[in-house]
Amino acid sequence: VYATRTHPGAPFLGPLRAATIARAVGLPAIALGGMNARRYRRLAGLGFVGWAAIDALTPE
């Protein structure tokens, strides 16, 4: 969904495009990429059933 530190320079969808795809596929969608709890709260009602992260769960 968002840019990440674990994949610098990799393309990302952005929240609106990711949410559009999540709603359109008709399957449970997990938000990935640059996620943390605050960002998921913004996306929660937009078609995602959950989120996963690496960076948000590891110390800096």
C-alpha atoms as a PDB file:
ATOM      1  CA  VAL A   1       0.000   0.000   0.000  1.00  0.00           C
ATOM      2  CA  TYR A   2       2.730   2.460   1.083  1.00  0.00           C
ATOM      3  CA  ALA A   3       6.461   2.847   0.454  1.00  0.00           C
ATOM      4  CA  THR A   4       8.582   0.695   2.771  1.00  0.00           C
ATOM      5  CA  ARG A   5      12.051   0.794   4.308  1.00  0.00           C
ATOM      6  CA  THR A   6      12.464  -2.932   3.634  1.00  0.00           C
ATOM      7  CA  HIS A   7      11.982  -2.451  -0.135  1.00  0.00           C
ATOM      8  CA  PRO A   8      13.392   1.030  -0.876  1.00  0.00           C
ATOM      9  CA  GLY A   9      12.500   2.382  -4.292  1.00  0.00           C
ATOM     10  CA  ALA A  10       9.876  -0.290  -4.957  1.00  0.00           C
ATOM     11  CA  PRO A  11       6.636   0.930  -6.528  1.00  0.00           C
ATOM     12  CA  PHE A  12       3.564   1.126  -4.289  1.00  0.00           C
ATOM     13  CA  LEU A  13      -0.165   1.532  -4.942  1.00  0.00           C
ATOM     14  CA  GLY A  14      -1.156   4.165  -2.424  1.00  0.00           C
ATOM     15  CA  PRO A  15      -4.195   3.833  -0.175  1.00  0.00           C
ATOM     16  CA  LEU A  16      -6.932   4.772  -2.662  1.00  0.00           C
ATOM     17  CA  ARG A  17      -5.768   2.487  -5.459  1.00  0.00           C
ATOM     18  CA  ALA A  18      -5.102  -0.387  -3.044  1.00  0.00           C
ATOM     19  CA  ALA A  19      -8.571   0.014  -1.511  1.00  0.00           C
ATOM     20  CA  THR A  20     -10.186   0.043  -4.958  1.00  0.00           C
ATOM     21  CA  ILE A  21      -8.473  -3.242  -5.806  1.00  0.00           C
ATOM     22  CA  ALA A  22      -9.288  -4.759  -2.393  1.00  0.00           C
ATOM     23  CA  ARG A  23     -13.003  -4.078  -2.887  1.00  0.00           C
ATOM     24  CA  ALA A  24     -13.027  -5.215  -6.517  1.00  0.00           C
ATOM     25  CA  VAL A  25     -11.466  -8.673  -6.150  1.00  0.00           C
ATOM     26  CA  GLY A  26     -14.264 -10.148  -4.054  1.00  0.00           C
ATOM     27  CA  LEU A  27     -11.799 -11.980  -1.785  1.00  0.00           C
ATOM     28  CA  PRO A  28     -10.404 -11.172   1.666  1.00  0.00           C
ATOM     29  CA  ALA A  29      -7.583  -8.638   1.201  1.00  0.00           C
ATOM     30  CA  ILE A  30      -4.662  -7.990   3.550  1.00  0.00           C
ATOM     31  CA  ALA A  31      -2.964  -4.574   3.454  1.00  0.00           C
ATOM     32  CA  LEU A  32       0.815  -4.945   2.951  1.00  0.00           C
ATOM     33  CA  GLY A  33       3.619  -2.433   2.520  1.00  0.00           C
ATOM     34  CA  GLY A  34       4.566   0.321   4.943  1.00  0.00           C
ATOM     35  CA  MET A  35       1.746  -0.626   7.286  1.00  0.00           C
ATOM     36  CA  ASN A  36       1.327   0.203  10.957  1.00  0.00           C
ATOM     37  CA  ALA A  37      -1.701   0.341  13.253  1.00  0.00           C
ATOM     38  CA  ARG A  38      -2.417   4.023  12.540  1.00  0.00           C
ATOM     39  CA  ARG A  39      -2.397   3.497   8.781  1.00  0.00           C
ATOM     40  CA  TYR A  40      -4.601   0.418   9.072  1.00  0.00           C
ATOM     41  CA  ARG A  41      -7.204   2.371  11.048  1.00  0.00           C
ATOM     42  CA  ARG A  42      -7.455   4.704   8.039  1.00  0.00           C
ATOM     43  CA  LEU A  43      -7.919   1.739   5.674  1.00  0.00           C
ATOM     44  CA  ALA A  44     -10.078  -0.508   7.868  1.00  0.00           C
ATOM     45  CA  GLY A  45     -13.425   0.321   6.250  1.00  0.00           C
ATOM     46  CA  LEU A  46     -12.086   0.271   2.696  1.00  0.00           C
ATOM     47  CA  GLY A  47     -12.185  -3.439   1.873  1.00  0.00           C
ATOM     48  CA  PHE A  48      -9.263  -4.850   3.860  1.00  0.00           C
ATOM     49  CA  VAL A  49      -9.782  -7.575   6.457  1.00  0.00           C
ATOM     50  CA  GLY A  50      -6.410  -7.081   8.130  1.00  0.00           C
ATOM     51  CA  TRP A  51      -2.837  -5.964   7.753  1.00  0.00           C
ATOM     52  CA  ALA A  52       0.665  -7.392   8.005  1.00  0.00           C
ATOM     53  CA  ALA A  53       4.005  -5.723   8.563  1.00  0.00           C
ATOM     54  CA  ILE A  54       7.693  -6.212   9.146  1.00  0.00           C
ATOM     55  CA  ASP A  55       8.927  -2.722   9.908  1.00  0.00           C
ATOM     56  CA  ALA A  56       6.070  -1.771  12.254  1.00  0.00           C
ATOM     57  CA  LEU A  57       6.863  -4.756  14.448  1.00  0.00           C
ATOM     58  CA  THR A  58      10.654  -4.442  14.652  1.00  0.00           C
ATOM     59  CA  PRO A  59      12.739  -1.953  16.628  1.00  0.00           C
ATOM     60  CA  GLU A  60      14.429   0.842  14.693  1.00  0.00           C
END
